[in-house]
All heavy atoms as atom14 arrays in JSON, in Angstrom:
{
  "sequence": "ALLRVMGCDLIQGFLIAPALPILSFLRFCRDHREAEAS",
  "atom14_mask": [
    [1, 1, 1, 1, 1, 0, 0, 0, 0, 0, 0, 0, 0, 0],
    [1, 1, 1, 1, 1, 1, 1, 1, 0, 0, 0, 0, 0, 0],
    [1, 1, 1, 1, 1, 1, 1, 1, 0, 0, 0, 0, 0, 0],
    [1, 1, 1, 1, 1, 1, 1, 1, 1, 1, 1, 0, 0, 0],
    [1, 1, 1, 1, 1, 1, 1, 0, 0, 0, 0, 0, 0, 0],
    [1, 1, 1, 1, 1, 1, 1, 1, 0, 0, 0, 0, 0, 0],
    [1, 1, 1, 1, 0, 0, 0, 0, 0, 0, 0, 0, 0, 0],
    [1, 1, 1, 1, 1, 1, 0, 0, 0, 0, 0, 0, 0, 0],
    [1, 1, 1, 1, 1, 1, 1, 1, 0, 0, 0, 0, 0, 0],
    [1, 1, 1, 1, 1, 1, 1, 1, 0, 0, 0, 0, 0, 0],
    [1, 1, 1, 1, 1, 1, 1, 1, 0, 0, 0, 0, 0, 0],
    [1, 1, 1, 1, 1, 1, 1, 1, 1, 0, 0, 0, 0, 0],
    [1, 1, 1, 1, 0, 0, 0, 0, 0, 0, 0, 0, 0, 0],
    [1, 1, 1, 1, 1, 1, 1, 1, 1, 1, 1, 0, 0, 0],
    [1, 1, 1, 1, 1, 1, 1, 1, 0, 0, 0, 0, 0, 0],
    [1, 1, 1, 1, 1, 1, 1, 1, 0, 0, 0, 0, 0, 0],
    [1, 1, 1, 1, 1, 0, 0, 0, 0, 0, 0, 0, 0, 0],
    [1, 1, 1, 1, 1, 1, 1, 0, 0, 0, 0, 0, 0, 0],
    [1, 1, 1, 1, 1, 0, 0, 0, 0, 0, 0, 0, 0, 0],
    [1, 1, 1, 1, 1, 1, 1, 1, 0, 0, 0, 0, 0, 0],
    [1, 1, 1, 1, 1, 1, 1, 0, 0, 0, 0, 0, 0, 0],
    [1, 1, 1, 1, 1, 1, 1, 1, 0, 0, 0, 0, 0, 0],
    [1, 1, 1, 1, 1, 1, 1, 1, 0, 0, 0, 0, 0, 0],
    [1, 1, 1, 1, 1, 1, 0, 0, 0, 0, 0, 0, 0, 0],
    [1, 1, 1, 1, 1, 1, 1, 1, 1, 1, 1, 0, 0, 0],
    [1, 1, 1, 1, 1, 1, 1, 1, 0, 0, 0, 0, 0, 0],
    [1, 1, 1, 1, 1, 1, 1, 1, 1, 1, 1, 0, 0, 0],
    [1, 1, 1, 1, 1, 1, 1, 1, 1, 1, 1, 0, 0, 0],
    [1, 1, 1, 1, 1, 1, 0, 0, 0, 0, 0, 0, 0, 0],
    [1, 1, 1, 1, 1, 1, 1, 1, 1, 1, 1, 0, 0, 0],
    [1, 1, 1, 1, 1, 1, 1, 1, 0, 0, 0, 0, 0, 0],
    [1, 1, 1, 1, 1, 1, 1, 1, 1, 1, 0, 0, 0, 0],
    [1, 1, 1, 1, 1, 1, 1, 1, 1, 1, 1, 0, 0, 0],
    [1, 1, 1, 1, 1, 1, 1, 1, 1, 0, 0, 0, 0, 0],
    [1, 1, 1, 1, 1, 0, 0, 0, 0, 0, 0, 0, 0, 0],
    [1, 1, 1, 1, 1, 1, 1, 1, 1, 0, 0, 0, 0, 0],
    [1, 1, 1, 1, 1, 0, 0, 0, 0, 0, 0, 0, 0, 0],
    [1, 1, 1, 1, 1, 1, 0, 0, 0, 0, 0, 0, 0, 0]
  ],
  "atom14_positions": [
    [[-12.48, -11.73, -73.5], [-12.41, -12.99, -74.18], [-11.94, -12.71, -75.67], [-11.08, -13.3, -76.12], [-13.79, -13.71, -74.28], [0.0, 0.0, 0.0], [0.0, 0.0, 0.0], [0.0, 0.0, 0.0], [0.0, 0.0, 0.0], [0.0, 0.0, 0.0], [0.0, 0.0, 0.0], [0.0, 0.0, 0.0], [0.0, 0.0, 0.0], [0.0, 0.0, 0.0]],
    [[-12.54, -11.59, -76.31], [-12.13, -11.28, -77.64], [-10.69, -10.87, -77.64], [-9.84, -11.32, -78.54], [-12.99, -10.17, -78.19], [-14.35, -10.61, -78.76], [-15.21, -9.38, -79.13], [-14.14, -11.46, -80.04], [0.0, 0.0, 0.0], [0.0, 0.0, 0.0], [0.0, 0.0, 0.0], [0.0, 0.0, 0.0], [0.0, 0.0, 0.0], [0.0, 0.0, 0.0]],
    [[-10.28, -10.06, -76.71], [-8.89, -9.63, -76.67], [-7.97, -10.71, -76.45], [-6.79, -10.75, -76.98], [-8.71, -8.5, -75.45], [-9.38, -7.18, -75.84], [-9.51, -6.34, -74.59], [-8.53, -6.36, -76.91], [0.0, 0.0, 0.0], [0.0, 0.0, 0.0], [0.0, 0.0, 0.0], [0.0, 0.0, 0.0], [0.0, 0.0, 0.0], [0.0, 0.0, 0.0]],
    [[-8.34, -11.67, -75.7], [-7.44, -12.82, -75.42], [-7.28, -13.6, -76.72], [-6.15, -14.07, -77.03], [-8.18, -13.72, -74.4], [-7.12, -14.72, -73.71], [-7.87, -15.46, -72.67], [-6.98, -16.28, -71.88], [-7.35, -17.26, -71.04], [-8.68, -17.46, -70.83], [-6.44, -17.92, -70.34], [0.0, 0.0, 0.0], [0.0, 0.0, 0.0], [0.0, 0.0, 0.0]],
    [[-8.38, -13.79, -77.52], [-8.26, -14.54, -78.73], [-7.42, -13.74, -79.76], [-6.66, -14.34, -80.54], [-9.7, -14.73, -79.36], [-9.62, -15.3, -80.76], [-10.44, -15.77, -78.34], [0.0, 0.0, 0.0], [0.0, 0.0, 0.0], [0.0, 0.0, 0.0], [0.0, 0.0, 0.0], [0.0, 0.0, 0.0], [0.0, 0.0, 0.0], [0.0, 0.0, 0.0]],
    [[-7.55, -12.47, -79.67], [-6.71, -11.58, -80.63], [-5.24, -11.58, -80.32], [-4.47, -10.97, -81.1], [-7.29, -10.22, -80.68], [-8.64, -10.08, -81.26], [-9.29, -8.34, -81.17], [-10.92, -8.46, -81.89], [0.0, 0.0, 0.0], [0.0, 0.0, 0.0], [0.0, 0.0, 0.0], [0.0, 0.0, 0.0], [0.0, 0.0, 0.0], [0.0, 0.0, 0.0]],
    [[-4.88, -11.98, -79.17], [-3.48, -12.1, -78.82], [-3.05, -10.82, -78.05], [-1.83, -10.49, -77.97], [0.0, 0.0, 0.0], [0.0, 0.0, 0.0], [0.0, 0.0, 0.0], [0.0, 0.0, 0.0], [0.0, 0.0, 0.0], [0.0, 0.0, 0.0], [0.0, 0.0, 0.0], [0.0, 0.0, 0.0], [0.0, 0.0, 0.0], [0.0, 0.0, 0.0]],
    [[-3.94, -9.98, -77.51], [-3.52, -8.9, -76.71], [-2.77, -9.41, -75.47], [-3.2, -10.41, -74.88], [-4.82, -8.12, -76.29], [-4.5, -6.66, -75.41], [0.0, 0.0, 0.0], [0.0, 0.0, 0.0], [0.0, 0.0, 0.0], [0.0, 0.0, 0.0], [0.0, 0.0, 0.0], [0.0, 0.0, 0.0], [0.0, 0.0, 0.0], [0.0, 0.0, 0.0]],
    [[-1.81, -8.67, -75.04], [-1.04, -9.05, -74.0], [-1.56, -8.69, -72.57], [-1.56, -9.52, -71.64], [0.39, -8.36, -74.03], [1.08, -8.78, -75.39], [1.4, -9.97, -75.59], [1.3, -7.85, -76.15], [0.0, 0.0, 0.0], [0.0, 0.0, 0.0], [0.0, 0.0, 0.0], [0.0, 0.0, 0.0], [0.0, 0.0, 0.0], [0.0, 0.0, 0.0]],
    [[-2.02, -7.39, -72.41], [-2.44, -6.87, -71.12], [-3.8, -6.23, -71.28], [-4.13, -5.66, -72.4], [-1.42, -5.96, -70.49], [0.06, -6.51, -70.38], [0.99, -5.29, -70.23], [0.16, -7.44, -69.16], [0.0, 0.0, 0.0], [0.0, 0.0, 0.0], [0.0, 0.0, 0.0], [0.0, 0.0, 0.0], [0.0, 0.0, 0.0], [0.0, 0.0, 0.0]],
    [[-4.51, -6.16, -70.13], [-5.8, -5.35, -70.17], [-5.75, -4.58, -68.79], [-5.14, -4.92, -67.8], [-7.0, -6.26, -70.22], [-7.16, -7.19, -69.08], [-7.1, -6.99, -71.68], [-8.5, -7.97, -69.05], [0.0, 0.0, 0.0], [0.0, 0.0, 0.0], [0.0, 0.0, 0.0], [0.0, 0.0, 0.0], [0.0, 0.0, 0.0], [0.0, 0.0, 0.0]],
    [[-6.53, -3.46, -68.84], [-6.83, -2.67, -67.64], [-8.19, -1.97, -67.85], [-8.61, -1.76, -68.91], [-5.74, -1.7, -67.3], [-5.67, -0.47, -68.19], [-4.63, 0.55, -67.71], [-3.45, 0.36, -68.11], [-4.92, 1.52, -67.01], [0.0, 0.0, 0.0], [0.0, 0.0, 0.0], [0.0, 0.0, 0.0], [0.0, 0.0, 0.0], [0.0, 0.0, 0.0]],
    [[-8.93, -1.91, -66.81], [-10.3, -1.26, -66.87], [-11.03, -1.63, -65.64], [-10.6, -2.36, -64.78], [0.0, 0.0, 0.0], [0.0, 0.0, 0.0], [0.0, 0.0, 0.0], [0.0, 0.0, 0.0], [0.0, 0.0, 0.0], [0.0, 0.0, 0.0], [0.0, 0.0, 0.0], [0.0, 0.0, 0.0], [0.0, 0.0, 0.0], [0.0, 0.0, 0.0]],
    [[-12.31, -1.2, -65.69], [-13.26, -1.41, -64.59], [-13.56, -2.86, -64.36], [-13.93, -3.33, -63.23], [-14.44, -0.59, -64.71], [-14.34, 0.85, -64.38], [-14.29, 1.77, -65.33], [-14.02, 1.24, -63.0], [-14.18, 3.09, -65.13], [-13.82, 2.69, -62.84], [-13.95, 3.54, -63.8], [0.0, 0.0, 0.0], [0.0, 0.0, 0.0], [0.0, 0.0, 0.0]],
    [[-13.53, -3.75, -65.42], [-13.64, -5.18, -65.24], [-12.69, -5.77, -64.23], [-13.06, -6.57, -63.42], [-13.54, -5.81, -66.52], [-13.57, -7.41, -66.5], [-15.05, -7.78, -66.1], [-13.3, -8.01, -67.81], [0.0, 0.0, 0.0], [0.0, 0.0, 0.0], [0.0, 0.0, 0.0], [0.0, 0.0, 0.0], [0.0, 0.0, 0.0], [0.0, 0.0, 0.0]],
    [[-11.42, -5.3, -64.28], [-10.41, -5.66, -63.3], [-10.53, -4.8, -62.01], [-10.79, -5.46, -60.89], [-9.08, -5.41, -63.83], [-8.96, -6.16, -65.28], [-7.99, -6.13, -62.97], [-9.31, -7.64, -65.27], [0.0, 0.0, 0.0], [0.0, 0.0, 0.0], [0.0, 0.0, 0.0], [0.0, 0.0, 0.0], [0.0, 0.0, 0.0], [0.0, 0.0, 0.0]],
    [[-10.46, -3.63, -62.05], [-10.49, -2.77, -60.84], [-10.39, -1.26, -61.31], [-9.76, -0.99, -62.33], [-9.41, -3.05, -59.9], [0.0, 0.0, 0.0], [0.0, 0.0, 0.0], [0.0, 0.0, 0.0], [0.0, 0.0, 0.0], [0.0, 0.0, 0.0], [0.0, 0.0, 0.0], [0.0, 0.0, 0.0], [0.0, 0.0, 0.0], [0.0, 0.0, 0.0]],
    [[-11.06, -0.41, -60.7], [-10.83, 1.08, -60.97], [-9.47, 1.59, -60.33], [-8.72, 0.73, -59.78], [-11.98, 1.68, -60.21], [-12.26, 0.83, -59.02], [-12.04, -0.54, -59.56], [0.0, 0.0, 0.0], [0.0, 0.0, 0.0], [0.0, 0.0, 0.0], [0.0, 0.0, 0.0], [0.0, 0.0, 0.0], [0.0, 0.0, 0.0], [0.0, 0.0, 0.0]],
    [[-9.09, 2.74, -60.59], [-7.89, 3.3, -59.93], [-8.09, 3.33, -58.44], [-9.11, 3.87, -57.94], [-7.61, 4.64, -60.56], [0.0, 0.0, 0.0], [0.0, 0.0, 0.0], [0.0, 0.0, 0.0], [0.0, 0.0, 0.0], [0.0, 0.0, 0.0], [0.0, 0.0, 0.0], [0.0, 0.0, 0.0], [0.0, 0.0, 0.0], [0.0, 0.0, 0.0]],
    [[-7.14, 2.73, -57.7], [-7.32, 2.57, -56.24], [-6.23, 3.32, -55.53], [-5.06, 3.32, -55.91], [-7.23, 1.04, -55.89], [-8.26, 0.16, -56.5], [-7.85, -1.34, -56.39], [-9.65, 0.48, -55.98], [0.0, 0.0, 0.0], [0.0, 0.0, 0.0], [0.0, 0.0, 0.0], [0.0, 0.0, 0.0], [0.0, 0.0, 0.0], [0.0, 0.0, 0.0]],
    [[-6.64, 3.86, -54.36], [-5.57, 4.48, -53.42], [-4.52, 3.38, -53.05], [-4.88, 2.1, -53.11], [-6.36, 5.0, -52.23], [-7.7, 5.13, -52.74], [-7.9, 4.09, -53.76], [0.0, 0.0, 0.0], [0.0, 0.0, 0.0], [0.0, 0.0, 0.0], [0.0, 0.0, 0.0], [0.0, 0.0, 0.0], [0.0, 0.0, 0.0], [0.0, 0.0, 0.0]],
    [[-3.35, 3.74, -52.63], [-2.25, 2.79, -52.55], [-2.64, 1.64, -51.59], [-2.41, 0.46, -51.76], [-1.05, 3.54, -51.95], [0.21, 2.53, -51.91], [-1.16, 4.35, -50.76], [0.54, 1.8, -53.09], [0.0, 0.0, 0.0], [0.0, 0.0, 0.0], [0.0, 0.0, 0.0], [0.0, 0.0, 0.0], [0.0, 0.0, 0.0], [0.0, 0.0, 0.0]],
    [[-3.29, 1.89, -50.36], [-3.59, 0.79, -49.49], [-4.66, -0.09, -50.09], [-4.55, -1.33, -49.85], [-4.07, 1.41, -48.15], [-2.98, 2.24, -47.4], [-3.54, 2.74, -46.11], [-1.72, 1.42, -47.08], [0.0, 0.0, 0.0], [0.0, 0.0, 0.0], [0.0, 0.0, 0.0], [0.0, 0.0, 0.0], [0.0, 0.0, 0.0], [0.0, 0.0, 0.0]],
    [[-5.66, 0.41, -50.77], [-6.58, -0.4, -51.39], [-6.0, -1.23, -52.48], [-6.37, -2.38, -52.83], [-7.81, 0.47, -51.99], [-8.46, 1.16, -50.92], [0.0, 0.0, 0.0], [0.0, 0.0, 0.0], [0.0, 0.0, 0.0], [0.0, 0.0, 0.0], [0.0, 0.0, 0.0], [0.0, 0.0, 0.0], [0.0, 0.0, 0.0], [0.0, 0.0, 0.0]],
    [[-5.05, -0.64, -53.24], [-4.35, -1.37, -54.23], [-3.63, -2.56, -53.63], [-3.56, -3.55, -54.27], [-3.43, -0.44, -55.05], [-2.66, -1.06, -56.14], [-3.27, -1.37, -57.37], [-1.31, -1.46, -55.9], [-2.58, -1.92, -58.39], [-0.58, -2.07, -57.01], [-1.22, -2.43, -58.18], [0.0, 0.0, 0.0], [0.0, 0.0, 0.0], [0.0, 0.0, 0.0]],
    [[-2.9, -2.36, -52.56], [-2.16, -3.4, -51.97], [-3.11, -4.54, -51.53], [-2.74, -5.72, -51.69], [-1.35, -2.88, -50.69], [-0.17, -1.99, -51.07], [0.38, -1.37, -49.82], [0.89, -2.76, -51.85], [0.0, 0.0, 0.0], [0.0, 0.0, 0.0], [0.0, 0.0, 0.0], [0.0, 0.0, 0.0], [0.0, 0.0, 0.0], [0.0, 0.0, 0.0]],
    [[-4.28, -4.17, -50.92], [-5.25, -5.33, -50.68], [-5.75, -5.98, -51.81], [-5.94, -7.15, -51.89], [-6.42, -4.67, -49.94], [-6.13, -4.25, -48.45], [-7.47, -3.97, -47.71], [-8.1, -2.77, -48.17], [-7.82, -1.49, -47.69], [-7.02, -1.39, -46.77], [-8.41, -0.51, -48.18], [0.0, 0.0, 0.0], [0.0, 0.0, 0.0], [0.0, 0.0, 0.0]],
    [[-5.97, -5.29, -53.0], [-6.38, -5.85, -54.26], [-5.3, -6.85, -54.68], [-5.69, -8.0, -55.11], [-6.63, -4.84, -55.36], [-6.84, -5.43, -56.77], [-8.05, -5.86, -57.08], [-5.78, -5.54, -57.56], [-8.2, -6.41, -58.37], [-5.9, -6.13, -58.89], [-7.12, -6.57, -59.22], [0.0, 0.0, 0.0], [0.0, 0.0, 0.0], [0.0, 0.0, 0.0]],
    [[-4.0, -6.51, -54.6], [-2.9, -7.37, -55.04], [-2.92, -8.65, -54.16], [-2.8, -9.81, -54.74], [-1.64, -6.62, -54.97], [-1.45, -5.35, -56.17], [0.0, 0.0, 0.0], [0.0, 0.0, 0.0], [0.0, 0.0, 0.0], [0.0, 0.0, 0.0], [0.0, 0.0, 0.0], [0.0, 0.0, 0.0], [0.0, 0.0, 0.0], [0.0, 0.0, 0.0]],
    [[-3.05, -8.41, -52.86], [-3.09, -9.69, -51.96], [-4.28, -10.57, -52.3], [-3.98, -11.82, -52.45], [-3.22, -9.19, -50.54], [-3.09, -10.3, -49.51], [-3.64, -9.7, -48.2], [-5.04, -9.2, -48.31], [-5.61, -8.56, -47.36], [-4.94, -8.06, -46.3], [-6.92, -8.13, -47.49], [0.0, 0.0, 0.0], [0.0, 0.0, 0.0], [0.0, 0.0, 0.0]],
    [[-5.43, -10.01, -52.47], [-6.58, -10.81, -52.71], [-6.48, -11.58, -54.06], [-6.86, -12.72, -54.21], [-7.9, -10.02, -52.66], [-8.16, -9.43, -51.34], [-7.53, -9.87, -50.34], [-8.97, -8.55, -51.21], [0.0, 0.0, 0.0], [0.0, 0.0, 0.0], [0.0, 0.0, 0.0], [0.0, 0.0, 0.0], [0.0, 0.0, 0.0], [0.0, 0.0, 0.0]],
    [[-5.95, -10.84, -55.05], [-5.7, -11.43, -56.4], [-4.77, -12.61, -56.39], [-5.01, -13.67, -56.99], [-5.35, -10.36, -57.28], [-5.27, -10.8, -58.85], [-6.36, -10.82, -59.6], [-4.24, -11.5, -59.62], [-6.04, -11.35, -60.82], [-4.76, -11.54, -60.85], [0.0, 0.0, 0.0], [0.0, 0.0, 0.0], [0.0, 0.0, 0.0], [0.0, 0.0, 0.0]],
    [[-3.69, -12.38, -55.56], [-2.72, -13.54, -55.57], [-3.3, -14.66, -54.91], [-3.1, -15.86, -55.37], [-1.45, -13.08, -54.75], [-0.57, -12.17, -55.58], [0.83, -12.04, -54.78], [0.66, -11.67, -53.37], [0.7, -10.33, -53.1], [0.85, -9.41, -53.88], [0.58, -10.01, -51.73], [0.0, 0.0, 0.0], [0.0, 0.0, 0.0], [0.0, 0.0, 0.0]],
    [[-4.08, -14.49, -53.85], [-4.73, -15.64, -53.12], [-5.72, -16.35, -54.03], [-5.84, -17.63, -54.07], [-5.42, -15.09, -51.84], [-4.34, -14.62, -50.81], [-5.08, -14.11, -49.59], [-6.3, -13.95, -49.6], [-4.38, -13.68, -48.6], [0.0, 0.0, 0.0], [0.0, 0.0, 0.0], [0.0, 0.0, 0.0], [0.0, 0.0, 0.0], [0.0, 0.0, 0.0]],
    [[-6.51, -15.53, -54.82], [-7.53, -16.18, -55.62], [-6.82, -17.0, -56.76], [-7.32, -18.16, -57.12], [-8.33, -15.1, -56.24], [0.0, 0.0, 0.0], [0.0, 0.0, 0.0], [0.0, 0.0, 0.0], [0.0, 0.0, 0.0], [0.0, 0.0, 0.0], [0.0, 0.0, 0.0], [0.0, 0.0, 0.0], [0.0, 0.0, 0.0], [0.0, 0.0, 0.0]],
    [[-5.75, -16.45, -57.34], [-5.03, -17.07, -58.43], [-4.34, -18.38, -57.91], [-4.29, -19.35, -58.64], [-4.04, -16.21, -59.1], [-4.69, -15.09, -59.96], [-5.47, -15.7, -61.02], [-5.01, -16.43, -61.88], [-6.74, -15.43, -61.06], [0.0, 0.0, 0.0], [0.0, 0.0, 0.0], [0.0, 0.0, 0.0], [0.0, 0.0, 0.0], [0.0, 0.0, 0.0]],
    [[-3.85, -18.38, -56.62], [-3.22, -19.5, -56.11], [-4.07, -20.68, -55.98], [-3.75, -21.86, -56.07], [-2.57, -19.13, -54.84], [0.0, 0.0, 0.0], [0.0, 0.0, 0.0], [0.0, 0.0, 0.0], [0.0, 0.0, 0.0], [0.0, 0.0, 0.0], [0.0, 0.0, 0.0], [0.0, 0.0, 0.0], [0.0, 0.0, 0.0], [0.0, 0.0, 0.0]],
    [[-5.39, -20.37, -55.62], [-6.36, -21.49, -55.45], [-7.17, -21.92, -56.75], [-7.84, -22.88, -56.82], [-7.37, -21.14, -54.43], [-8.03, -19.96, -54.78], [0.0, 0.0, 0.0], [0.0, 0.0, 0.0], [0.0, 0.0, 0.0], [0.0, 0.0, 0.0], [0.0, 0.0, 0.0], [0.0, 0.0, 0.0], [0.0, 0.0, 0.0], [0.0, 0.0, 0.0]]
  ]
}
């Protein structure tokens, strides 16, 4: 929330996801798209 107010463009970290193997990363992308669409 603070970073958003400060105008930061992008974030990465464990709040979003840890580093994932390629297949797990693809599943994360799919689930994230579906969650954002709804």
